[in-house]
Protein backbone atom coordinates (compact mmCIF):
# COMPACT_ATOMS: atom_id res chain seq x y z
CA MET A 1 -70.76 17.85 -11.54
CA PRO A 2 -71.59 21.07 -10.06
CA SER A 3 -75.13 21.78 -11.03
CA VAL A 4 -74.96 25.24 -10.89
CA SER A 5 -76.52 28.38 -11.66
CA VAL A 6 -77.78 31.19 -9.62
CA SER A 7 -76.77 34.74 -9.00
CA THR A 8 -75.87 35.50 -5.44
CA GLU A 9 -76.69 39.15 -5.37
CA ALA A 10 -78.82 40.60 -8.08
CA GLY A 11 -79.07 43.98 -6.45
CA SER A 12 -81.50 46.53 -7.77
CA ASP A 13 -82.35 46.87 -11.43
CA THR A 14 -80.33 50.06 -11.62
CA ALA A 15 -77.26 48.18 -10.35
CA ARG A 16 -77.42 45.51 -13.03
CA LEU A 17 -74.82 45.22 -15.74
CA PRO A 18 -76.17 43.59 -18.91
CA VAL A 19 -72.78 42.03 -19.62
CA LEU A 20 -72.93 40.21 -16.28
CA ASP A 21 -76.43 38.89 -16.94
CA ILE A 22 -75.38 37.78 -20.42
CA ALA A 23 -72.36 35.95 -18.97
CA ARG A 24 -74.67 34.23 -16.50
CA THR A 25 -77.03 33.29 -19.35
CA LEU A 26 -74.17 31.57 -21.17
CA ALA A 27 -73.36 29.64 -18.00
CA ILE A 28 -77.02 28.64 -17.65
CA ILE A 29 -77.06 27.31 -21.20
CA ALA A 30 -73.93 25.27 -20.47
CA MET A 31 -75.51 23.95 -17.26
CA VAL A 32 -78.67 22.85 -19.06
CA ILE A 33 -76.58 21.08 -21.71
CA PHE A 34 -74.63 19.21 -19.04
CA HIS A 35 -77.71 18.21 -17.07
CA PHE A 36 -79.46 17.08 -20.25
CA ALA A 37 -76.46 14.83 -21.00
CA ARG A 38 -76.59 13.44 -17.45
CA ASP A 39 -80.34 12.84 -17.76
CA LEU A 40 -79.73 10.95 -20.99
CA GLU A 41 -77.54 8.61 -18.96
CA MET A 42 -80.26 8.19 -16.35
CA PHE A 43 -82.77 7.19 -19.03
CA ARG A 44 -80.22 4.89 -20.69
CA LEU A 45 -80.13 7.00 -23.82
CA ALA A 46 -76.38 7.60 -23.47
CA PRO A 47 -73.47 5.44 -22.25
CA PRO A 48 -73.39 5.07 -18.44
CA GLY A 49 -70.79 7.30 -16.82
CA MET A 50 -70.39 9.43 -19.95
CA THR A 51 -70.39 12.71 -17.99
CA LEU A 52 -67.89 11.41 -15.43
CA GLU A 53 -64.94 11.27 -17.79
CA GLY A 54 -63.06 13.17 -20.45
CA GLY A 55 -64.14 16.62 -21.55
CA TRP A 56 -67.41 16.38 -19.65
CA VAL A 57 -65.55 16.60 -16.33
CA LEU A 58 -63.70 19.74 -17.42
CA PHE A 59 -66.95 21.16 -18.79
CA SER A 60 -68.72 20.65 -15.46
CA ARG A 61 -65.92 22.26 -13.47
CA LEU A 62 -65.83 25.27 -15.77
CA ILE A 63 -69.58 25.72 -15.32
CA ALA A 64 -69.35 25.59 -11.54
CA GLY A 65 -66.33 27.88 -11.47
CA SER A 66 -68.00 30.41 -13.75
CA PHE A 67 -71.08 30.69 -11.55
CA LEU A 68 -69.06 31.04 -8.38
CA PHE A 69 -66.82 33.64 -10.02
CA LEU A 70 -69.87 35.57 -11.21
CA SER A 71 -71.37 35.35 -7.74
CA GLY A 72 -68.30 37.14 -6.38
CA VAL A 73 -68.57 39.81 -9.07
CA SER A 74 -72.26 40.23 -8.26
CA LEU A 75 -71.50 40.80 -4.58
CA VAL A 76 -69.27 43.72 -5.46
CA LEU A 77 -71.76 45.08 -7.97
CA ALA A 78 -74.57 45.00 -5.41
CA HIS A 79 -72.59 46.16 -2.37
CA GLY A 80 -69.47 47.89 -3.68
CA GLU A 81 -70.67 51.30 -2.52
CA GLY A 82 -71.79 50.03 0.88
CA ILE A 83 -73.31 46.80 2.08
CA ARG A 84 -77.09 46.84 1.71
CA TRP A 85 -77.85 44.51 4.60
CA PRO A 86 -81.63 44.16 4.06
CA ALA A 87 -81.10 43.16 0.41
CA PHE A 88 -78.25 40.85 1.37
CA ARG A 89 -80.33 39.11 4.03
CA ARG A 90 -83.28 38.66 1.65
CA ARG A 91 -81.06 37.13 -1.01
CA ALA A 92 -79.29 34.87 1.49
CA LEU A 93 -82.63 33.63 2.81
CA MET A 94 -83.84 33.01 -0.75
CA ILE A 95 -80.77 30.99 -1.70
CA GLY A 96 -80.76 29.18 1.64
CA GLY A 97 -84.40 28.22 1.22
CA ALA A 98 -83.76 27.00 -2.32
CA ALA A 99 -80.75 24.97 -1.13
CA LEU A 100 -82.87 23.37 1.59
CA LEU A 101 -85.58 22.57 -0.97
CA VAL A 102 -83.03 20.85 -3.22
CA SER A 103 -81.66 18.83 -0.29
CA LEU A 104 -85.12 17.72 0.82
CA ALA A 105 -86.29 16.88 -2.70
CA THR A 106 -83.22 14.78 -3.47
CA LEU A 107 -83.35 13.15 -0.02
CA ILE A 108 -86.83 11.90 -0.92
CA ALA A 109 -85.99 10.95 -4.50
CA VAL A 110 -82.47 9.50 -4.09
CA PRO A 111 -81.72 9.19 -0.35
CA ARG A 112 -78.38 7.44 -0.86
CA ASP A 113 -77.00 10.27 -3.03
CA PHE A 114 -78.99 13.29 -1.91
CA ILE A 115 -77.46 16.75 -2.37
CA TYR A 116 -76.19 17.90 1.00
CA PHE A 117 -73.76 20.56 -0.24
CA GLY A 118 -74.35 21.46 -3.86
CA ILE A 119 -73.98 24.63 -5.87
CA LEU A 120 -76.62 26.58 -3.94
CA HIS A 121 -75.05 25.65 -0.61
CA GLY A 122 -71.65 26.66 -1.98
CA ILE A 123 -72.85 30.00 -3.31
CA LEU A 124 -74.63 30.78 -0.05
CA THR A 125 -71.50 30.01 2.00
CA ALA A 126 -69.29 31.99 -0.39
CA SER A 127 -71.66 34.95 -0.08
CA LEU A 128 -71.73 34.83 3.73
CA LEU A 129 -67.93 34.76 3.83
CA GLY A 130 -67.35 36.99 0.83
CA ILE A 131 -69.47 39.88 2.08
CA TRP A 132 -66.73 40.50 4.65
CA LEU A 133 -64.25 40.98 1.78
CA VAL A 134 -66.35 43.34 -0.34
CA PRO A 135 -65.64 46.58 1.55
CA ARG A 136 -61.92 45.81 1.82
CA PRO A 137 -59.12 46.25 -0.74
CA ALA A 138 -59.01 43.72 -3.56
CA ILE A 139 -55.80 42.22 -2.21
CA TYR A 140 -57.77 40.72 0.70
CA ALA A 141 -60.04 38.75 -1.61
CA ALA A 142 -57.12 37.72 -3.82
CA ALA A 143 -55.20 36.49 -0.78
CA ALA A 144 -58.26 34.57 0.44
CA ALA A 145 -58.60 32.87 -2.96
CA LEU A 146 -54.90 31.97 -2.95
CA LEU A 147 -55.15 30.61 0.60
CA VAL A 148 -58.05 28.35 -0.43
CA VAL A 149 -56.05 27.04 -3.39
CA LEU A 150 -52.98 26.39 -1.20
CA LEU A 151 -55.06 24.57 1.42
CA TRP A 152 -56.65 22.47 -1.30
CA ALA A 153 -53.26 21.64 -2.81
CA THR A 154 -51.78 20.60 0.53
CA VAL A 155 -54.59 18.91 2.48
CA GLY A 156 -57.55 18.73 0.11
CA LYS A 157 -59.22 15.29 -0.10
CA SER A 158 -56.60 13.77 2.19
CA LEU A 159 -57.88 13.71 5.77
CA ALA A 160 -59.64 10.92 7.65
CA LEU A 161 -62.37 13.07 9.19
CA PRO A 162 -65.93 12.07 10.14
CA GLU A 163 -68.32 12.02 7.19
CA ILE A 164 -70.21 14.99 8.58
CA PHE A 165 -67.28 17.17 7.47
CA SER A 166 -67.59 16.12 3.82
CA PHE A 167 -68.69 19.66 2.90
CA THR A 168 -65.21 21.00 3.70
CA GLY A 169 -63.52 19.20 0.81
CA LEU A 170 -60.89 17.82 3.16
CA LEU A 171 -62.09 14.22 3.34
CA ALA A 172 -60.33 11.54 1.32
CA ALA A 173 -63.68 9.76 0.86
CA PRO A 174 -66.59 12.23 1.13
CA ARG A 175 -70.18 11.07 1.27
CA PRO A 176 -71.49 10.28 -2.24
CA THR A 177 -73.90 12.84 -3.66
CA LEU A 178 -75.44 13.92 -6.95
CA ASP A 179 -73.90 17.39 -6.79
CA PHE A 180 -70.89 18.37 -4.69
CA ILE A 181 -69.42 21.86 -4.28
CA PRO A 182 -67.24 21.63 -1.14
CA LEU A 183 -65.64 24.68 0.43
CA LEU A 184 -62.23 23.60 -0.86
CA PRO A 185 -61.52 24.43 -3.62
CA TRP A 186 -64.78 26.13 -4.65
CA LEU A 187 -64.51 29.19 -2.41
CA ALA A 188 -61.53 30.22 -4.53
CA PRO A 189 -63.39 31.27 -7.71
CA ALA A 190 -65.94 33.23 -5.68
CA PHE A 191 -63.21 35.15 -3.85
CA ALA A 192 -61.38 35.62 -7.14
CA GLY A 193 -64.55 37.16 -8.60
CA ILE A 194 -64.63 39.66 -5.73
CA ALA A 195 -60.98 40.57 -6.29
CA ALA A 196 -61.43 40.92 -10.07
CA ALA A 197 -64.53 43.09 -9.72
CA LYS A 198 -62.77 45.42 -7.29
CA TRP A 199 -59.61 45.68 -9.38
CA LEU A 200 -61.72 46.42 -12.48
CA ARG A 201 -63.89 48.84 -10.46
CA ILE A 202 -67.00 47.20 -11.85
CA ALA A 203 -69.29 49.21 -9.58
CA ASP A 204 -68.20 52.35 -11.49
CA TRP A 205 -68.90 51.01 -14.97
CA PRO A 206 -71.46 53.04 -16.95
CA ARG A 207 -74.97 51.59 -17.13
CA ALA A 208 -75.85 51.96 -20.81
CA GLU A 209 -79.41 50.98 -21.75
CA PRO A 210 -79.15 47.57 -23.50
CA GLY A 211 -80.74 46.99 -26.87
CA ARG A 212 -83.64 44.62 -27.44
CA MET A 213 -81.45 41.66 -28.35
CA ALA A 214 -79.16 42.21 -25.37
CA ARG A 215 -82.19 42.37 -23.04
CA LEU A 216 -83.49 39.12 -24.51
CA ILE A 217 -80.18 37.34 -24.04
CA ALA A 218 -79.75 38.75 -20.54
CA TRP A 219 -83.23 37.66 -19.37
CA PRO A 220 -82.28 34.09 -18.33
CA GLY A 221 -79.32 35.46 -16.38
CA GLN A 222 -81.69 37.71 -14.44
CA HIS A 223 -83.81 34.71 -13.41
CA SER A 224 -81.10 32.11 -12.89
CA LEU A 225 -82.34 30.84 -9.54
CA ALA A 226 -85.80 30.03 -10.91
CA ILE A 227 -84.29 28.39 -13.98
CA TYR A 228 -81.99 26.30 -11.80
CA LEU A 229 -84.89 25.03 -9.73
CA LEU A 230 -87.19 24.32 -12.66
CA HIS A 231 -85.00 23.10 -15.51
CA GLN A 232 -84.35 19.59 -14.19
CA PRO A 233 -88.03 18.69 -13.57
CA VAL A 234 -88.78 19.92 -17.10
CA LEU A 235 -85.93 17.93 -18.66
CA VAL A 236 -86.78 14.77 -16.72
CA ALA A 237 -90.47 15.06 -17.63
CA LEU A 238 -89.57 15.58 -21.28
CA LEU A 239 -87.30 12.54 -21.41
CA TRP A 240 -89.81 10.44 -19.50
CA ALA A 241 -92.45 11.33 -22.09
CA ILE A 242 -90.09 10.44 -24.93
CA THR A 243 -89.14 7.08 -23.45
CA ARG A 244 -92.71 6.33 -22.39
CA PHE A 245 -94.58 7.21 -25.57
CA LEU A 246 -92.05 7.20 -28.38
CA GLN A 247 -89.96 4.33 -27.00
CA PRO A 248 -86.65 5.23 -28.69
CA THR A 249 -83.78 2.79 -28.76
CA CYS A 250 -81.92 2.96 -25.46
CA PHE A 251 -78.17 2.70 -24.93
CA PRO A 252 -77.66 -0.03 -24.01
CA CYS A 253 -80.99 -1.91 -23.82
């Protein structure tokens, strides 16, 4: 499942839209729920493979798609009136560094299934490609999203390419990994977010001062990268403590 959850371009505080941060908060909550369910499997507190079938699969794809879509919206919000290259470079370096950290950490912990192209890698790539679309009419981004979908429908997961090209989404048998967000089809929701934000002219929306409750709900969405990096160690430590000290009944023992 796509582990997702970071904003690609936060922009300045004055550029923020509370509704966008709140939407990202909801996606973060969904992500934590999914990862908690997957961790229950790892600790044998839930049936093996539970999150790989049924509604869990749809749930995971909706989470990944929502974050990529919001990342496209965020690009327009941060750069709709002109690309702020210093801010863009800082954010790209931050996400790239976090993606590298995730790859290295999982390579050490689970070398056979380490994350070589997960949600952070996908968001970074979508940002680097999507920034070219931001200053252009919305139809460009919509056409790019449609092209990705058409490529996925025609040649996605069907080619016998070397394993090194797994990140493209074209391979019939990509390298196994804990989290996989290949270019096809996952560039599509990011480009769709750019198109939607431009059609809705989100950069021109009024910036009303949010109330206390709205600020509280929006807070996780404003710190999504940190939450993404920290939530799994916290969940794993919590479940380890439960299984180590409370010794609950496992499924199956």
